[in-house]
PDB file of N, CA and C in Angstrom:
ATOM      1  N   UNK A   1      -1.728   1.493   0.909  1.00  0.00           N
ATOM      2  CA  UNK A   1      -1.117   1.236  -0.365  1.00  0.00           C
ATOM      3  C   UNK A   1      -0.950   2.336  -1.138  1.00  0.00           C
ATOM      4  N   UNK A   2      -0.142   2.116  -2.524  1.00  0.00           N
ATOM      5  CA  UNK A   2       0.441   3.119  -3.229  1.00  0.00           C
ATOM      6  C   UNK A   2       0.134   2.664  -4.432  1.00  0.00           C
ATOM      7  N   UNK A   3      -0.119   4.035  -5.917  1.00  0.00           N
ATOM      8  CA  UNK A   3      -0.632   3.534  -6.628  1.00  0.00           C
ATOM      9  C   UNK A   3       0.847   4.335  -7.587  1.00  0.00           C
ATOM     10  N   UNK A   4       1.264   4.183  -8.567  1.00  0.00           N
ATOM     11  CA  UNK A   4       1.928   4.715  -9.630  1.00  0.00           C
ATOM     12  C   UNK A   4       1.176   5.358 -10.748  1.00  0.00           C
ATOM     13  N   UNK A   5       1.056   6.806 -10.774  1.00  0.00           N
ATOM     14  CA  UNK A   5       0.073   7.382 -11.167  1.00  0.00           C
ATOM     15  C   UNK A   5       0.199   7.109 -13.152  1.00  0.00           C
ATOM     16  N   UNK A   6       1.321   6.817 -13.783  1.00  0.00           N
ATOM     17  CA  UNK A   6       1.822   6.637 -14.613  1.00  0.00           C
ATOM     18  C   UNK A   6       1.164   5.150 -15.217  1.00  0.00           C
ATOM     19  N   UNK A   7       0.712   4.264 -14.140  1.00  0.00           N
ATOM     20  CA  UNK A   7       0.352   3.060 -14.410  1.00  0.00           C
ATOM     21  C   UNK A   7      -1.066   2.756 -13.685  1.00  0.00           C
ATOM     22  N   UNK A   8      -1.458   3.778 -13.118  1.00  0.00           N
ATOM     23  CA  UNK A   8      -2.677   3.456 -12.575  1.00  0.00           C
ATOM     24  C   UNK A   8      -3.602   2.789 -13.292  1.00  0.00           C
ATOM     25  N   UNK A   9      -3.599   2.948 -14.558  1.00  0.00           N
ATOM     26  CA  UNK A   9      -5.281   2.252 -15.255  1.00  0.00           C
ATOM     27  C   UNK A   9      -4.723   0.372 -15.257  1.00  0.00           C
ATOM     28  N   UNK A  10      -3.359  -0.016 -14.850  1.00  0.00           N
ATOM     29  CA  UNK A  10      -3.533  -1.223 -15.109  1.00  0.00           C
ATOM     30  C   UNK A  10      -2.662  -1.821 -13.965  1.00  0.00           C
ATOM     31  N   UNK A  11      -2.372  -1.231 -12.775  1.00  0.00           N
ATOM     32  CA  UNK A  11      -1.713  -1.514 -11.466  1.00  0.00           C
ATOM     33  C   UNK A  11      -2.459  -2.334 -10.824  1.00  0.00           C
ATOM     34  N   UNK A  12      -2.167  -3.322  -9.942  1.00  0.00           N
ATOM     35  CA  UNK A  12      -2.604  -3.467  -8.828  1.00  0.00           C
ATOM     36  C   UNK A  12      -2.170  -2.446  -7.647  1.00  0.00           C
ATOM     37  N   UNK A  13      -2.951  -2.570  -6.395  1.00  0.00           N
ATOM     38  CA  UNK A  13      -2.008  -2.135  -5.181  1.00  0.00           C
ATOM     39  C   UNK A  13      -0.849  -2.465  -4.875  1.00  0.00           C
ATOM     40  N   UNK A  14       0.137  -1.761  -4.761  1.00  0.00           N
ATOM     41  CA  UNK A  14       1.384  -2.462  -4.211  1.00  0.00           C
ATOM     42  C   UNK A  14       1.175  -2.124  -2.620  1.00  0.00           C
ATOM     43  N   UNK A  15       1.461  -3.163  -1.816  1.00  0.00           N
ATOM     44  CA  UNK A  15       1.285  -3.228  -0.758  1.00  0.00           C
ATOM     45  C   UNK A  15       2.865  -2.562   0.104  1.00  0.00           C
ATOM     46  N   UNK A  16       2.242  -1.958   1.057  1.00  0.00           N
ATOM     47  CA  UNK A  16       3.242  -0.833   2.118  1.00  0.00           C
ATOM     48  C   UNK A  16       4.002  -1.891   3.102  1.00  0.00           C
ATOM     49  N   UNK A  17       3.555  -3.058   3.180  1.00  0.00           N
ATOM     50  CA  UNK A  17       4.237  -4.046   4.158  1.00  0.00           C
ATOM     51  C   UNK A  17       4.196  -5.407   3.431  1.00  0.00           C
ATOM     52  N   UNK A  18       5.518  -5.599   4.031  1.00  0.00           N
ATOM     53  CA  UNK A  18       5.703  -7.305   3.638  1.00  0.00           C
ATOM     54  C   UNK A  18       4.632  -8.271   3.938  1.00  0.00           C
ATOM     55  N   UNK A  19       3.554  -9.142   2.672  1.00  0.00           N
ATOM     56  CA  UNK A  19       2.742  -9.780   3.025  1.00  0.00           C
ATOM     57  C   UNK A  19       2.960 -10.797   4.015  1.00  0.00           C
ATOM     58  N   UNK A  20       1.918 -11.345   5.077  1.00  0.00           N
ATOM     59  CA  UNK A  20       2.361 -12.175   5.870  1.00  0.00           C
ATOM     60  C   UNK A  20       2.779 -13.747   4.998  1.00  0.00           C
ATOM     61  N   UNK A  21       3.894 -14.618   5.975  1.00  0.00           N
ATOM     62  CA  UNK A  21       4.519 -15.685   5.483  1.00  0.00           C
ATOM     63  C   UNK A  21       3.135 -16.594   5.212  1.00  0.00           C
ATOM     64  N   UNK A  22       3.488 -17.695   4.204  1.00  0.00           N
ATOM     65  CA  UNK A  22       2.531 -18.556   3.974  1.00  0.00           C
ATOM     66  C   UNK A  22       2.582 -19.575   4.974  1.00  0.00           C
ATOM     67  N   UNK A  23       1.191 -19.866   5.301  1.00  0.00           N
ATOM     68  CA  UNK A  23       1.190 -21.096   6.315  1.00  0.00           C
ATOM     69  C   UNK A  23       1.869 -22.347   6.340  1.00  0.00           C
ATOM     70  N   UNK A  24       2.762 -23.026   7.269  1.00  0.00           N
ATOM     71  CA  UNK A  24       3.702 -23.582   7.064  1.00  0.00           C
ATOM     72  C   UNK A  24       2.898 -25.344   6.756  1.00  0.00           C
ATOM     73  N   UNK A  25       1.748 -25.554   6.821  1.00  0.00           N
ATOM     74  CA  UNK A  25       1.114 -26.453   6.529  1.00  0.00           C
ATOM     75  C   UNK A  25       0.953 -26.681   4.778  1.00  0.00           C
ATOM     76  N   UNK A  26       1.209 -25.897   4.297  1.00  0.00           N
ATOM     77  CA  UNK A  26       1.296 -25.778   2.368  1.00  0.00           C
ATOM     78  C   UNK A  26       2.210 -26.889   1.948  1.00  0.00           C
ATOM     79  N   UNK A  27       1.389 -27.327   1.342  1.00  0.00           N
ATOM     80  CA  UNK A  27       2.112 -28.697   0.779  1.00  0.00           C
ATOM     81  C   UNK A  27       3.214 -27.858  -0.327  1.00  0.00           C
ATOM     82  N   UNK A  28       3.983 -28.892  -0.750  1.00  0.00           N
ATOM     83  CA  UNK A  28       5.365 -28.276  -1.698  1.00  0.00           C
ATOM     84  C   UNK A  28       4.347 -28.165  -3.051  1.00  0.00           C
ATOM     85  N   UNK A  29       3.716 -28.745  -3.526  1.00  0.00           N
ATOM     86  CA  UNK A  29       2.628 -28.998  -4.709  1.00  0.00           C
ATOM     87  C   UNK A  29       1.935 -27.608  -4.598  1.00  0.00           C
ATOM     88  N   UNK A  30       1.197 -27.175  -3.571  1.00  0.00           N
ATOM     89  CA  UNK A  30       0.432 -26.085  -3.566  1.00  0.00           C
ATOM     90  C   UNK A  30       1.254 -24.764  -3.339  1.00  0.00           C
ATOM     91  N   UNK A  31       2.691 -24.936  -2.667  1.00  0.00           N
ATOM     92  CA  UNK A  31       3.319 -23.547  -2.738  1.00  0.00           C
ATOM     93  C   UNK A  31       4.046 -23.336  -4.219  1.00  0.00           C
ATOM     94  N   UNK A  32       4.097 -24.276  -4.533  1.00  0.00           N
ATOM     95  CA  UNK A  32       4.756 -24.326  -6.172  1.00  0.00           C
ATOM     96  C   UNK A  32       3.619 -23.604  -7.170  1.00  0.00           C
ATOM     97  N   UNK A  33       2.249 -24.353  -6.889  1.00  0.00           N
ATOM     98  CA  UNK A  33       1.308 -23.575  -7.902  1.00  0.00           C
ATOM     99  C   UNK A  33       1.196 -21.793  -7.285  1.00  0.00           C
ATOM    100  N   UNK A  34       1.472 -21.731  -6.233  1.00  0.00           N
ATOM    101  CA  UNK A  34       1.088 -20.142  -6.022  1.00  0.00           C
ATOM    102  C   UNK A  34       2.312 -19.617  -6.418  1.00  0.00           C
ATOM    103  N   UNK A  35       3.627 -19.963  -6.369  1.00  0.00           N
ATOM    104  CA  UNK A  35       4.461 -19.048  -6.668  1.00  0.00           C
ATOM    105  C   UNK A  35       4.485 -18.958  -8.228  1.00  0.00           C
ATOM    106  N   UNK A  36       4.211 -19.819  -8.966  1.00  0.00           N
ATOM    107  CA  UNK A  36       4.126 -20.001 -10.328  1.00  0.00           C
ATOM    108  C   UNK A  36       2.774 -18.895 -10.643  1.00  0.00           C
ATOM    109  N   UNK A  37       1.816 -18.519  -9.938  1.00  0.00           N
ATOM    110  CA  UNK A  37       0.895 -17.814 -10.404  1.00  0.00           C
ATOM    111  C   UNK A  37       1.505 -16.546 -10.035  1.00  0.00           C
ATOM    112  N   UNK A  38       1.804 -16.523  -8.379  1.00  0.00           N
ATOM    113  CA  UNK A  38       2.399 -14.720  -8.239  1.00  0.00           C
ATOM    114  C   UNK A  38       3.779 -14.485  -9.604  1.00  0.00           C
ATOM    115  N   UNK A  39       4.148 -15.779  -9.641  1.00  0.00           N
ATOM    116  CA  UNK A  39       5.080 -15.274 -11.095  1.00  0.00           C
ATOM    117  C   UNK A  39       4.550 -14.756 -12.136  1.00  0.00           C
ATOM    118  N   UNK A  40       3.758 -15.354 -12.582  1.00  0.00           N
ATOM    119  CA  UNK A  40       2.884 -15.103 -13.711  1.00  0.00           C
ATOM    120  C   UNK A  40       2.284 -13.387 -13.647  1.00  0.00           C
ATOM    121  N   UNK A  41       1.661 -13.100 -12.762  1.00  0.00           N
ATOM    122  CA  UNK A  41       1.234 -11.882 -12.473  1.00  0.00           C
ATOM    123  C   UNK A  41       2.539 -11.073 -12.588  1.00  0.00           C
ATOM    124  N   UNK A  42       3.700 -11.132 -11.734  1.00  0.00           N
ATOM    125  CA  UNK A  42       4.957  -9.677 -11.834  1.00  0.00           C
ATOM    126  C   UNK A  42       5.344  -9.822 -12.974  1.00  0.00           C
ATOM    127  N   UNK A  43       5.340 -11.363 -14.115  1.00  0.00           N
ATOM    128  CA  UNK A  43       5.697 -11.212 -15.628  1.00  0.00           C
ATOM    129  C   UNK A  43       4.797 -10.140 -16.084  1.00  0.00           C
ATOM    130  N   UNK A  44       3.229 -10.113 -16.127  1.00  0.00           N
ATOM    131  CA  UNK A  44       2.694  -9.301 -16.482  1.00  0.00           C
ATOM    132  C   UNK A  44       2.946  -7.840 -15.857  1.00  0.00           C
ATOM    133  N   UNK A  45       3.110  -7.753 -14.850  1.00  0.00           N
ATOM    134  CA  UNK A  45       3.105  -6.407 -14.622  1.00  0.00           C
ATOM    135  C   UNK A  45       4.529  -5.652 -14.881  1.00  0.00           C
ATOM    136  N   UNK A  46       5.701  -6.496 -15.265  1.00  0.00           N
ATOM    137  CA  UNK A  46       6.906  -5.991 -15.617  1.00  0.00           C
ATOM    138  C   UNK A  46       6.641  -5.629 -17.629  1.00  0.00           C
ATOM    139  N   UNK A  47       5.672  -6.657 -18.159  1.00  0.00           N
ATOM    140  CA  UNK A  47       5.736  -6.394 -19.429  1.00  0.00           C
ATOM    141  C   UNK A  47       4.653  -5.027 -19.580  1.00  0.00           C
ATOM    142  N   UNK A  48       4.131  -4.774 -18.675  1.00  0.00           N
ATOM    143  CA  UNK A  48       3.097  -3.508 -18.874  1.00  0.00           C
ATOM    144  C   UNK A  48       4.055  -2.287 -18.544  1.00  0.00           C
ATOM    145  N   UNK A  49       4.840  -2.340 -17.464  1.00  0.00           N
ATOM    146  CA  UNK A  49       5.942  -1.169 -17.530  1.00  0.00           C
ATOM    147  C   UNK A  49       6.651  -1.357 -18.551  1.00  0.00           C
ATOM    148  N   UNK A  50       7.551  -2.226 -18.836  1.00  0.00           N
ATOM    149  CA  UNK A  50       8.248  -2.035 -20.350  1.00  0.00           C
ATOM    150  C   UNK A  50       7.502  -1.721 -21.400  1.00  0.00           C
ATOM    151  N   UNK A  51       6.007  -1.710 -21.525  1.00  0.00           N
ATOM    152  CA  UNK A  51       5.251  -0.890 -22.834  1.00  0.00           C
ATOM    153  C   UNK A  51       5.043   0.312 -22.478  1.00  0.00           C
ATOM    154  N   UNK A  52       4.740   0.679 -21.364  1.00  0.00           N
ATOM    155  CA  UNK A  52       4.909   2.257 -20.594  1.00  0.00           C
ATOM    156  C   UNK A  52       6.229   3.073 -21.130  1.00  0.00           C
ATOM    157  N   UNK A  53       7.004   2.218 -20.479  1.00  0.00           N
ATOM    158  CA  UNK A  53       8.340   2.987 -21.217  1.00  0.00           C
ATOM    159  C   UNK A  53       8.314   3.243 -22.256  1.00  0.00           C
ATOM    160  N   UNK A  54       8.403   2.446 -23.186  1.00  0.00           N
ATOM    161  CA  UNK A  54       8.342   2.391 -24.499  1.00  0.00           C
ATOM    162  C   UNK A  54       7.640   3.136 -25.303  1.00  0.00           C
ATOM    163  N   UNK A  55       6.576   3.773 -24.694  1.00  0.00           N
ATOM    164  CA  UNK A  55       5.522   4.817 -25.169  1.00  0.00           C
ATOM    165  C   UNK A  55       5.881   5.852 -24.853  1.00  0.00           C
ATOM    166  N   UNK A  56       6.116   6.413 -23.610  1.00  0.00           N
ATOM    167  CA  UNK A  56       6.972   7.629 -23.371  1.00  0.00           C
ATOM    168  C   UNK A  56       8.295   7.876 -23.660  1.00  0.00           C
ATOM    169  N   UNK A  57       8.738   6.755 -23.956  1.00  0.00           N
ATOM    170  CA  UNK A  57      10.037   7.176 -24.653  1.00  0.00           C
ATOM    171  C   UNK A  57      10.587   7.507 -26.281  1.00  0.00           C
ATOM    172  N   UNK A  58       9.584   7.002 -26.494  1.00  0.00           N
ATOM    173  CA  UNK A  58       9.236   7.030 -28.276  1.00  0.00           C
ATOM    174  C   UNK A  58       9.157   8.220 -28.822  1.00  0.00           C
ATOM    175  N   UNK A  59      10.489   9.271 -29.168  1.00  0.00           N
ATOM    176  CA  UNK A  59      10.511  10.683 -29.550  1.00  0.00           C
ATOM    177  C   UNK A  59       9.003  10.794 -30.909  1.00  0.00           C
ATOM    178  N   UNK A  60       9.340   9.927 -31.477  1.00  0.00           N
ATOM    179  CA  UNK A  60       8.303   9.716 -32.731  1.00  0.00           C
ATOM    180  C   UNK A  60       6.646   9.911 -32.669  1.00  0.00           C
ATOM    181  N   UNK A  61       6.657   8.832 -31.419  1.00  0.00           N
ATOM    182  CA  UNK A  61       5.144   9.008 -30.787  1.00  0.00           C
ATOM    183  C   UNK A  61       4.400   9.972 -30.114  1.00  0.00           C
ATOM    184  N   UNK A  62       5.474  10.869 -29.318  1.00  0.00           N
ATOM    185  CA  UNK A  62       5.202  12.017 -28.554  1.00  0.00           C
ATOM    186  C   UNK A  62       5.228  13.253 -29.776  1.00  0.00           C
ATOM    187  N   UNK A  63       6.022  12.980 -30.364  1.00  0.00           N
ATOM    188  CA  UNK A  63       5.847  14.375 -31.704  1.00  0.00           C
ATOM    189  C   UNK A  63       4.550  14.610 -32.183  1.00  0.00           C
ATOM    190  N   UNK A  64       3.675  13.602 -32.499  1.00  0.00           N
ATOM    191  CA  UNK A  64       2.177  13.138 -33.082  1.00  0.00           C
ATOM    192  C   UNK A  64       1.437  13.838 -32.212  1.00  0.00           C
ATOM    193  N   UNK A  65       1.982  13.882 -30.997  1.00  0.00           N
ATOM    194  CA  UNK A  65       0.541  14.363 -30.062  1.00  0.00           C
ATOM    195  C   UNK A  65       0.542  15.944 -29.750  1.00  0.00           C
TER     196      UNK A  65
END
C-alpha cells in the first residue's frame, strides 16, 4: 500500500494491485449499490485533493505562514 504524504491525514490506502473481481452471484441491484457507494468514496477523495491543491497553490495563504 502507498500513501501520498500531502494527503496522509485524509487518505485511505491505495491498493498496489487491482482488487479481486466481484463474485458473479451479485445481483444487479447489489452491484449498483456497491458501485454508488464506491463512486461516493471516490468523489470525496477527489474533493479532498482539489481542496489540498487549492491550499498549496494559493499564494496569499502561503505568504501568511
